[in-house]
Protein backbone atom coordinates (compact mmCIF):
# COMPACT_ATOMS: atom_id res chain seq x y z
CA UNK A 1 -39.53 16.60 -0.27
CA UNK A 2 -42.00 13.73 0.36
CA UNK A 3 -41.26 10.27 1.44
CA UNK A 4 -41.59 8.96 -2.04
CA UNK A 5 -38.62 11.15 -3.55
CA UNK A 6 -36.48 10.67 -0.45
CA UNK A 7 -37.28 6.82 -1.40
CA UNK A 8 -36.42 7.48 -4.94
CA UNK A 9 -33.05 9.56 -4.10
CA UNK A 10 -31.83 6.82 -1.71
CA UNK A 11 -32.25 4.40 -4.57
CA UNK A 12 -30.35 6.19 -6.79
CA UNK A 13 -27.42 6.61 -4.14
CA UNK A 14 -26.79 3.05 -4.10
CA UNK A 15 -27.37 2.43 -7.66
CA UNK A 16 -24.40 4.94 -8.40
CA UNK A 17 -22.48 3.47 -5.74
CA UNK A 18 -22.98 -0.09 -6.87
CA UNK A 19 -21.68 1.09 -10.68
CA UNK A 20 -19.00 3.28 -9.53
CA UNK A 21 -17.47 1.66 -6.65
CA UNK A 22 -17.14 1.03 -2.92
CA UNK A 23 -16.24 2.39 0.21
CA UNK A 24 -12.67 1.62 -0.74
CA UNK A 25 -11.60 5.21 -2.08
CA UNK A 26 -12.93 6.42 1.09
CA UNK A 27 -10.66 3.84 3.21
CA UNK A 28 -7.71 3.99 1.10
CA UNK A 29 -7.51 8.14 1.29
CA UNK A 30 -8.57 8.80 4.99
CA UNK A 31 -5.00 7.45 6.11
CA UNK A 32 -1.42 7.74 4.23
CA UNK A 33 0.04 4.39 3.82
CA UNK A 34 3.54 3.68 3.93
CA UNK A 35 5.45 0.24 3.67
CA UNK A 36 5.93 -1.93 6.77
CA UNK A 37 9.55 -1.50 6.89
CA UNK A 38 9.18 2.37 7.72
CA UNK A 39 8.38 0.42 11.23
CA UNK A 40 11.79 -0.74 11.61
CA UNK A 41 13.37 2.55 10.21
CA UNK A 42 11.55 4.31 13.61
CA UNK A 43 11.67 1.15 15.92
CA UNK A 44 15.30 1.06 14.95
CA UNK A 45 16.03 4.79 15.07
CA UNK A 46 18.00 4.28 11.70
CA UNK A 47 17.08 6.06 8.31
CA UNK A 48 19.71 3.73 6.59
CA UNK A 49 17.35 0.78 7.03
CA UNK A 50 15.55 2.39 4.16
CA UNK A 51 18.90 1.28 1.95
CA UNK A 52 17.59 -2.36 2.40
CA UNK A 53 14.50 -1.95 0.37
CA UNK A 54 15.40 1.10 -1.99
CA UNK A 55 19.08 0.15 -3.14
CA UNK A 56 19.56 3.13 -4.82
CA UNK A 57 20.04 5.11 -2.12
CA UNK A 58 23.35 4.91 -0.24
CA UNK A 59 24.27 6.33 3.29
CA UNK A 60 26.62 8.92 1.53
CA UNK A 61 24.03 10.63 -0.09
CA UNK A 62 21.84 10.45 3.40
CA UNK A 63 18.76 8.80 1.84
CA UNK A 64 19.11 11.15 -1.20
CA UNK A 65 18.87 11.01 -4.80
CA UNK A 66 19.98 13.16 -7.83
CA UNK A 67 17.42 14.63 -9.77
CA UNK A 68 18.28 16.73 -13.01
CA UNK A 69 15.01 19.01 -12.93
CA UNK A 70 16.47 20.12 -9.37
CA UNK A 71 20.12 19.94 -10.31
CA UNK A 72 20.86 18.85 -6.46
CA UNK A 73 20.73 15.87 -4.09
CA UNK A 74 17.21 15.85 -2.19
CA UNK A 75 15.12 14.14 0.02
CA UNK A 76 12.94 11.95 -2.35
CA UNK A 77 9.53 13.15 -0.49
CA UNK A 78 10.17 16.79 -1.02
CA UNK A 79 9.61 16.31 -4.91
CA UNK A 80 5.90 16.52 -5.78
CA UNK A 81 4.17 13.41 -7.08
CA UNK A 82 7.56 11.20 -6.39
CA UNK A 83 6.22 8.46 -3.97
CA UNK A 84 8.32 6.02 -2.65
CA UNK A 85 6.61 3.18 -1.30
CA UNK A 86 3.63 5.19 -0.52
CA UNK A 87 0.07 4.61 -1.49
CA UNK A 88 -1.66 7.42 -3.77
CA UNK A 89 -5.07 7.18 -5.42
CA UNK A 90 -6.58 9.41 -7.75
CA UNK A 91 -10.21 9.53 -9.45
CA UNK A 92 -9.93 10.75 -12.66
CA UNK A 93 -13.55 10.41 -14.19
CA UNK A 94 -16.52 8.17 -13.42
CA UNK A 95 -15.68 5.71 -16.24
CA UNK A 96 -15.31 2.18 -15.73
CA UNK A 97 -11.15 2.49 -14.83
CA UNK A 98 -11.44 6.17 -13.91
CA UNK A 99 -9.43 5.65 -10.73
CA UNK A 100 -5.76 5.20 -10.59
CA UNK A 101 -3.46 3.67 -7.64
CA UNK A 102 0.10 4.01 -7.23
CA UNK A 103 1.29 1.06 -4.86
CA UNK A 104 5.04 2.71 -4.43
CA UNK A 105 5.84 2.60 -8.39
CA UNK A 106 6.15 4.89 -11.28
CA UNK A 107 3.83 4.55 -13.07
CA UNK A 108 0.75 2.67 -11.57
CA UNK A 109 -2.48 1.35 -12.84
CA UNK A 110 -5.95 2.58 -13.93
CA UNK A 111 -8.34 0.30 -11.99
CA UNK A 112 -11.62 -0.27 -10.41
CA UNK A 113 -12.52 -1.58 -6.93
CA UNK A 114 -15.04 -4.17 -5.76
CA UNK A 115 -15.68 -5.10 -2.10
CA UNK A 116 -15.79 -8.66 -1.76
CA UNK A 117 -15.99 -9.17 2.18
CA UNK A 118 -15.82 -7.13 5.16
CA UNK A 119 -12.18 -5.34 5.08
CA UNK A 120 -11.77 -7.22 1.79
CA UNK A 121 -11.28 -5.80 -2.02
CA UNK A 122 -10.85 -6.37 -5.12
CA UNK A 123 -8.42 -3.87 -7.46
CA UNK A 124 -8.99 -5.13 -11.11
CA UNK A 125 -6.16 -3.20 -12.73
CA UNK A 126 -7.01 -2.36 -16.68
CA UNK A 127 -3.36 -3.67 -17.71
CA UNK A 128 -0.69 -5.05 -15.93
CA UNK A 129 1.88 -5.88 -18.27
CA UNK A 130 5.23 -4.67 -18.41
CA UNK A 131 8.41 -5.34 -20.74
CA UNK A 132 11.23 -7.17 -19.49
CA UNK A 133 13.35 -3.82 -19.87
CA UNK A 134 10.67 -2.12 -17.33
CA UNK A 135 10.77 -5.32 -15.25
CA UNK A 136 14.68 -4.82 -14.80
CA UNK A 137 14.51 -1.06 -14.38
CA UNK A 138 11.89 -1.32 -11.44
CA UNK A 139 13.74 -4.39 -10.15
CA UNK A 140 17.21 -1.96 -9.53
CA UNK A 141 14.91 0.30 -7.68
CA UNK A 142 13.98 -2.35 -5.01
CA UNK A 143 10.54 -3.30 -7.03
CA UNK A 144 9.65 -7.06 -7.83
CA UNK A 145 7.03 -7.09 -10.53
CA UNK A 146 7.27 -10.74 -11.86
CA UNK A 147 3.54 -10.93 -11.70
CA UNK A 148 3.16 -8.40 -14.12
CA UNK A 149 6.01 -9.57 -16.02
CA UNK A 150 4.36 -13.12 -16.10
CA UNK A 151 0.79 -11.52 -17.25
CA UNK A 152 -0.65 -12.85 -20.41
CA UNK A 153 -4.03 -10.85 -20.38
CA UNK A 154 -3.90 -7.17 -19.82
CA UNK A 155 -6.53 -7.77 -17.02
CA UNK A 156 -5.16 -8.51 -13.51
CA UNK A 157 -6.73 -8.23 -9.57
CA UNK A 158 -4.88 -7.53 -6.66
CA UNK A 159 -6.63 -8.22 -3.32
CA UNK A 160 -6.22 -5.02 -0.54
CA UNK A 161 -7.39 -6.35 3.25
CA UNK A 162 -7.27 -4.34 5.45
CA UNK A 163 -6.79 -5.25 9.55
CA UNK A 164 -6.83 -2.02 11.65
CA UNK A 165 -3.79 0.41 10.71
CA UNK A 166 -2.42 -2.41 8.86
CA UNK A 167 -2.92 -3.04 4.91
CA UNK A 168 -2.32 -6.19 3.27
CA UNK A 169 -2.07 -6.45 -0.47
CA UNK A 170 -2.35 -10.20 -2.38
CA UNK A 171 -1.75 -11.22 -5.97
CA UNK A 172 -4.46 -12.52 -8.09
CA UNK A 173 -4.41 -16.00 -6.06
CA UNK A 174 -5.63 -14.57 -3.05
CA UNK A 175 -2.74 -16.33 -1.31
CA UNK A 176 0.67 -14.84 -2.23
CA UNK A 177 0.93 -11.84 -0.07
CA UNK A 178 2.63 -9.21 -2.17
CA UNK A 179 3.37 -6.55 0.09
CA UNK A 180 2.22 -5.04 3.46
CA UNK A 181 1.47 -1.21 4.32
CA UNK A 182 0.95 0.91 7.65
CA UNK A 183 -1.21 3.75 8.25
CA UNK A 184 -0.32 7.48 9.04
CA UNK A 185 -1.73 10.49 9.87
CA UNK A 186 -0.45 13.72 8.21
CA UNK A 187 1.14 14.58 11.78
CA UNK A 188 2.91 11.23 11.89
CA UNK A 189 3.96 11.44 7.92
CA UNK A 190 5.70 14.93 9.05
CA UNK A 191 7.52 13.43 11.85
CA UNK A 192 8.75 10.20 9.82
CA UNK A 193 10.40 12.94 6.85
CA UNK A 194 11.92 15.03 9.54
CA UNK A 195 13.39 11.72 11.23
CA UNK A 196 14.74 10.55 7.52
CA UNK A 197 16.18 14.16 7.12
CA UNK A 198 18.14 14.26 10.70
CA UNK A 199 18.43 10.64 11.39
CA UNK A 200 17.02 12.05 14.81
CA UNK A 201 13.88 10.55 16.09
CA UNK A 202 11.39 12.17 18.12
CA UNK A 203 9.55 9.05 19.48
CA UNK A 204 6.45 11.09 21.33
CA UNK A 205 5.25 12.00 17.31
CA UNK A 206 4.91 8.97 16.17
CA UNK A 207 2.94 5.55 17.05
CA UNK A 208 3.46 2.33 15.60
CA UNK A 209 0.48 0.60 14.22
CA UNK A 210 -1.94 -1.63 15.88
CA UNK A 211 -4.23 -4.68 14.44
CA UNK A 212 -8.05 -4.62 14.02
CA UNK A 213 -7.80 -6.63 17.84
CA UNK A 214 -5.88 -4.17 19.40
CA UNK A 215 -2.70 -5.98 19.22
CA UNK A 216 0.69 -4.19 18.02
CA UNK A 217 3.79 -5.98 16.42
CA UNK A 218 6.25 -3.92 18.09
CA UNK A 219 6.96 -3.35 22.08
CA UNK A 220 8.63 -1.21 23.58
CA UNK A 221 11.62 -2.66 25.78
CA UNK A 222 12.53 -5.51 23.09
CA UNK A 223 14.69 -5.61 20.09
CA UNK A 224 13.12 -4.77 16.47
CA UNK A 225 11.24 -7.77 15.73
CA UNK A 226 10.82 -9.30 12.47
CA UNK A 227 7.51 -7.82 10.32
CA UNK A 228 4.70 -9.84 11.08
CA UNK A 229 2.66 -11.80 8.20
CA UNK A 230 -0.71 -11.97 8.11
CA UNK A 231 -2.25 -13.95 10.22
CA UNK A 232 -4.57 -16.62 8.54
CA UNK A 233 -4.50 -18.26 5.19
CA UNK A 234 -6.41 -16.51 2.92
CA UNK A 235 -9.50 -18.18 0.82
CA UNK A 236 -12.16 -17.05 -1.10
CA UNK A 237 -14.83 -19.72 -0.95
CA UNK A 238 -16.77 -20.22 2.04
CA UNK A 239 -16.77 -22.60 3.76
CA UNK A 240 -13.10 -23.13 3.00
CA UNK A 241 -12.28 -26.39 1.45
CA UNK A 242 -9.18 -26.87 2.85
CA UNK A 243 -10.67 -27.55 6.20
CA UNK A 244 -7.65 -25.91 8.10
CA UNK A 245 -6.32 -22.24 8.30
CA UNK A 246 -2.73 -22.31 7.09
CA UNK A 247 -0.04 -19.74 8.06
CA UNK A 248 1.21 -17.51 5.20
CA UNK A 249 4.94 -16.81 4.68
CA UNK A 250 5.46 -13.07 4.08
CA UNK A 251 7.23 -12.14 0.86
CA UNK A 252 9.88 -9.55 0.41
CA UNK A 253 10.27 -7.17 -2.54
């Protein structure tokens, strides 16, 4: 292959990347992302902390639920395709909204991703709107999608900011923190599931997440800390017209 053909091939790759997305798909799929409250479950070594966030579960059922398809009490993570506060991403085709993201709720959203800054991505959802009935149903299961209920137009953007092994999801205003997720690898996910089954925690198999600057919110030998919010006010404008950096208040579902 001569230099001209190599150059044309490289240019074609860049054009395809510009049209069909960014490295977001690689970053969202190279790790397994669970809601940050699972850190509290692990740190406190108590699976019943889950009930505070998934109110349809009970202690008596040992974090189980009844599924008609199985006619039995089972753990939610043993059902293929059933995710609870875990991100899943699928690409169906190369159309504009050919990707599908589930951020801990069923159903998820068709979307397209765009990189707007280092570690920051805009996910434009094709149609975010939900009915009052769906909103109340999801709220019963611990998911507050008020932003989707209030949406007057189908398109809506969420902003995903990667910070080491943390992932912050902001609403369309770029300031309201909707949820925080943390990265697990496959062995850590398996250890988490086993801990939830038995309520016995092997702390040698799971490590707590680190921020990009190398800090960790969970230190050994102290009580369970409150989950940490994103550290700075998020602004899309550069330079920031506000003149100062304001702390974010963490929103809990």
